[in-house]
Amino acid sequence: MKFEQFDDFQLDVLREVGNIGAGNAATALSKLISKEIDMKVPQVKIIPFDEISDVVGGAESLVVCVFLRMLGDIPGNMFFIISVDSAKNLLEELMGMTAQDAEIFNDMELSALNEIGNILTGSYLSSLADFTKLNMQPSVPAVAIDMAGAILSYGLLEFGHSGDFALTIDTAFFQGNEKISGHFFLIPDPEALLQLFRALGVPFE
């Protein structure tokens, strides 16, 4: 399966899944913090794996990442990546926590970010499972702060081989006047993407 094989119809189906997942994520986040969260309709694309770090600002950009392994019928890896600034805004605006250092997070802040990332990735995964009627379970998530290239390399080494494509869902959440942007990357194992499209009823020639 080549990157050029994806057509508009297949991407439209994935966009619909991304829209539902983002809506569920906003609802879950609202319940967590007892505040109303608005969501921008996400941009959904499929990109070659080696372009992921470019999406988040380059391989050497410092980011916060929550990553986990997808288990079940569609195995793969999932990453939720945000900039350090967005992570600070997330803690301050959504959780009422003021980070003390520009680039260092304490254990409580990391725990909060991990839980938020866990809720958001879980919302997307649940939407995908509901849509496909497939068994999809998340592993225990891990949080890391490092350069984007290092995080992606570590995540794939930790969780094993991954496919050549990433389903990217770029989402912006609003609470009051603040915007927090995040990137979701779903990277199915080889052959799993084909299974995913079959489960969605989307043919591949």
Protein backbone atom coordinates (compact mmCIF):
# COMPACT_ATOMS: atom_id res chain seq x y z
CA MET A 1 0.00 0.00 0.00
CA LYS A 2 1.51 3.30 -1.14
CA PHE A 3 0.93 6.77 0.24
CA GLU A 4 -0.52 7.90 -3.11
CA GLN A 5 -3.29 5.29 -2.86
CA PHE A 6 -5.32 7.25 -0.32
CA ASP A 7 -8.20 9.03 -2.04
CA ASP A 8 -10.61 11.75 -0.94
CA PHE A 9 -13.32 9.29 0.11
CA GLN A 10 -10.99 7.38 2.43
CA LEU A 11 -9.74 10.61 3.97
CA ASP A 12 -13.32 11.88 4.39
CA VAL A 13 -14.18 8.77 6.43
CA LEU A 14 -11.15 9.36 8.66
CA ARG A 15 -12.08 13.03 9.03
CA GLU A 16 -15.51 12.00 10.26
CA VAL A 17 -13.92 9.70 12.84
CA GLY A 18 -11.61 12.57 13.83
CA ASN A 19 -14.55 14.96 14.23
CA ILE A 20 -16.42 12.52 16.48
CA GLY A 21 -13.28 11.80 18.48
CA ALA A 22 -12.57 15.49 18.96
CA GLY A 23 -16.13 16.10 20.13
CA ASN A 24 -15.87 13.25 22.63
CA ALA A 25 -12.49 14.55 23.79
CA ALA A 26 -13.90 18.04 24.37
CA THR A 27 -16.80 16.56 26.34
CA ALA A 28 -14.46 14.41 28.44
CA LEU A 29 -12.22 17.40 29.12
CA SER A 30 -15.22 19.53 30.12
CA LYS A 31 -16.30 16.91 32.65
CA LEU A 32 -12.75 16.67 34.05
CA ILE A 33 -12.45 20.37 34.80
CA SER A 34 -16.18 21.23 35.18
CA LYS A 35 -15.85 24.00 32.58
CA GLU A 36 -17.24 24.36 29.10
CA ILE A 37 -14.73 23.50 26.37
CA ASP A 38 -15.22 24.49 22.74
CA MET A 39 -13.49 22.59 19.96
CA LYS A 40 -12.32 23.64 16.54
CA VAL A 41 -13.15 21.14 13.80
CA PRO A 42 -9.92 19.18 13.47
CA GLN A 43 -7.78 18.84 10.38
CA VAL A 44 -7.28 15.18 9.53
CA LYS A 45 -4.56 13.99 7.16
CA ILE A 46 -2.49 10.93 6.43
CA ILE A 47 1.22 11.67 6.13
CA PRO A 48 4.39 9.62 5.72
CA PHE A 49 5.87 8.70 9.10
CA ASP A 50 9.08 10.66 8.53
CA GLU A 51 7.08 13.92 8.29
CA ILE A 52 5.63 13.69 11.82
CA SER A 53 8.33 15.75 13.49
CA ASP A 54 7.87 18.50 10.86
CA VAL A 55 4.21 18.84 11.87
CA VAL A 56 5.17 19.64 15.48
CA GLY A 57 7.88 22.16 14.63
CA GLY A 58 10.84 20.01 13.64
CA ALA A 59 12.85 17.14 15.12
CA GLU A 60 14.70 19.44 17.56
CA SER A 61 11.65 21.29 18.89
CA LEU A 62 10.94 20.74 22.59
CA VAL A 63 7.50 19.16 23.09
CA VAL A 64 5.36 17.41 25.67
CA CYS A 65 4.12 14.00 24.56
CA VAL A 66 1.74 11.40 25.94
CA PHE A 67 2.16 8.12 24.10
CA LEU A 68 0.61 4.70 24.33
CA ARG A 69 0.29 1.42 22.52
CA MET A 70 -2.97 0.44 20.84
CA LEU A 71 -3.84 -3.19 21.51
CA GLY A 72 -6.48 -5.45 19.98
CA ASP A 73 -7.65 -5.79 16.38
CA ILE A 74 -5.79 -2.73 15.08
CA PRO A 75 -2.43 -2.66 16.86
CA GLY A 76 -0.29 0.43 16.60
CA ASN A 77 1.06 3.48 18.41
CA MET A 78 -0.66 6.70 19.43
CA PHE A 79 0.97 10.01 20.34
CA PHE A 80 -0.56 13.22 21.70
CA ILE A 81 2.02 15.98 21.22
CA ILE A 82 1.78 19.63 22.28
CA SER A 83 4.28 22.45 22.54
CA VAL A 84 5.66 23.41 25.94
CA ASP A 85 3.74 26.70 25.77
CA SER A 86 0.47 24.90 25.05
CA ALA A 87 1.19 22.51 27.92
CA LYS A 88 1.66 25.48 30.28
CA ASN A 89 -1.60 27.02 29.03
CA LEU A 90 -3.33 23.68 29.43
CA LEU A 91 -2.26 23.44 33.07
CA GLU A 92 -3.06 27.06 33.86
CA GLU A 93 -6.32 27.61 31.97
CA LEU A 94 -7.87 24.18 32.29
CA MET A 95 -6.48 22.88 35.58
CA GLY A 96 -5.76 26.11 37.47
CA MET A 97 -2.13 25.04 37.94
CA THR A 98 0.62 27.62 37.42
CA ALA A 99 3.85 26.07 36.17
CA GLN A 100 6.84 27.56 37.96
CA ASP A 101 9.52 26.98 35.35
CA ALA A 102 9.49 27.76 31.63
CA GLU A 103 10.66 24.31 30.53
CA ILE A 104 10.56 22.11 33.65
CA PHE A 105 7.45 20.38 34.98
CA ASN A 106 7.16 18.92 38.47
CA ASP A 107 5.67 15.50 39.20
CA MET A 108 2.17 16.88 39.86
CA GLU A 109 2.17 18.81 36.59
CA LEU A 110 3.42 15.80 34.66
CA SER A 111 0.76 13.63 36.27
CA ALA A 112 -1.94 16.13 35.27
CA LEU A 113 -0.67 16.29 31.68
CA ASN A 114 -0.51 12.50 31.53
CA GLU A 115 -4.11 12.21 32.74
CA ILE A 116 -5.32 14.84 30.25
CA GLY A 117 -3.48 13.10 27.42
CA ASN A 118 -4.88 9.77 28.56
CA ILE A 119 -8.44 11.12 28.48
CA LEU A 120 -8.01 12.73 25.08
CA THR A 121 -6.33 9.76 23.39
CA GLY A 122 -8.87 7.44 25.01
CA SER A 123 -11.71 9.51 23.54
CA TYR A 124 -10.30 9.20 20.04
CA LEU A 125 -9.63 5.51 20.43
CA SER A 126 -13.15 4.88 21.76
CA SER A 127 -14.62 6.74 18.79
CA LEU A 128 -12.58 4.67 16.38
CA ALA A 129 -13.59 1.44 18.15
CA ASP A 130 -17.27 2.43 18.06
CA PHE A 131 -17.04 3.35 14.40
CA THR A 132 -15.28 0.16 13.34
CA LYS A 133 -16.87 -2.27 15.84
CA LEU A 134 -13.34 -3.56 16.47
CA ASN A 135 -11.62 -4.29 19.77
CA MET A 136 -9.17 -1.46 20.47
CA GLN A 137 -7.64 -1.06 23.92
CA PRO A 138 -5.03 1.47 25.08
CA SER A 139 -1.96 0.49 27.07
CA VAL A 140 -0.95 2.46 30.16
CA PRO A 141 0.17 5.88 28.83
CA ALA A 142 3.56 7.47 29.43
CA VAL A 143 4.45 11.17 29.38
CA ALA A 144 7.75 12.66 28.22
CA ILE A 145 9.30 16.08 27.60
CA ASP A 146 12.05 16.08 25.00
CA MET A 147 12.87 16.96 21.41
CA ALA A 148 10.20 15.69 19.03
CA GLY A 149 12.60 13.47 17.10
CA ALA A 150 13.89 11.80 20.27
CA ILE A 151 10.38 11.17 21.61
CA LEU A 152 9.16 9.61 18.38
CA SER A 153 12.23 7.39 18.15
CA TYR A 154 11.92 6.28 21.78
CA GLY A 155 8.20 5.63 21.48
CA LEU A 156 8.65 3.38 18.47
CA LEU A 157 11.58 1.54 20.06
CA GLU A 158 9.56 1.05 23.25
CA PHE A 159 6.46 -0.19 21.51
CA GLY A 160 7.98 -2.02 18.57
CA HIS A 161 7.87 -1.60 14.80
CA SER A 162 5.33 0.77 13.34
CA GLY A 163 3.81 1.39 9.96
CA ASP A 164 4.90 3.88 7.33
CA PHE A 165 1.91 6.20 7.69
CA ALA A 166 0.44 8.32 10.44
CA LEU A 167 -3.15 9.45 10.76
CA THR A 168 -2.79 13.01 12.04
CA ILE A 169 -5.59 14.87 13.85
CA ASP A 170 -4.78 18.50 14.62
CA THR A 171 -7.20 19.86 17.20
CA ALA A 172 -7.60 23.18 19.00
CA PHE A 173 -9.54 23.40 22.28
CA PHE A 174 -10.85 26.70 23.62
CA GLN A 175 -11.64 27.60 27.22
CA GLY A 176 -12.47 31.26 27.63
CA ASN A 177 -10.10 33.20 25.40
CA GLU A 178 -7.29 30.68 25.53
CA LYS A 179 -6.51 28.23 22.74
CA ILE A 180 -4.63 24.99 23.31
CA SER A 181 -3.53 23.19 20.16
CA GLY A 182 -2.56 19.55 20.09
CA HIS A 183 -1.54 16.94 17.56
CA PHE A 184 -2.75 13.35 17.65
CA PHE A 185 -0.80 10.78 15.67
CA LEU A 186 -2.24 7.31 15.18
CA ILE A 187 0.36 5.03 13.62
CA PRO A 188 -1.01 1.57 12.79
CA ASP A 189 1.32 -1.39 12.55
CA PRO A 190 2.00 -2.75 9.04
CA GLU A 191 -1.19 -4.16 7.49
CA ALA A 192 -3.32 -2.72 10.30
CA LEU A 193 -4.28 0.37 8.27
CA LEU A 194 -5.73 -1.90 5.59
CA GLN A 195 -7.75 -3.71 8.28
CA LEU A 196 -8.93 -0.35 9.59
CA PHE A 197 -10.26 0.74 6.20
CA ARG A 198 -11.95 -2.61 5.66
CA ALA A 199 -13.67 -2.28 9.03
CA LEU A 200 -14.84 1.21 8.04
CA GLY A 201 -16.28 -0.21 4.82
CA VAL A 202 -13.84 1.70 2.65
CA PRO A 203 -12.46 -0.35 -0.26
CA PHE A 204 -8.82 -0.47 -1.25
CA GLU A 205 -7.96 -1.53 -4.75
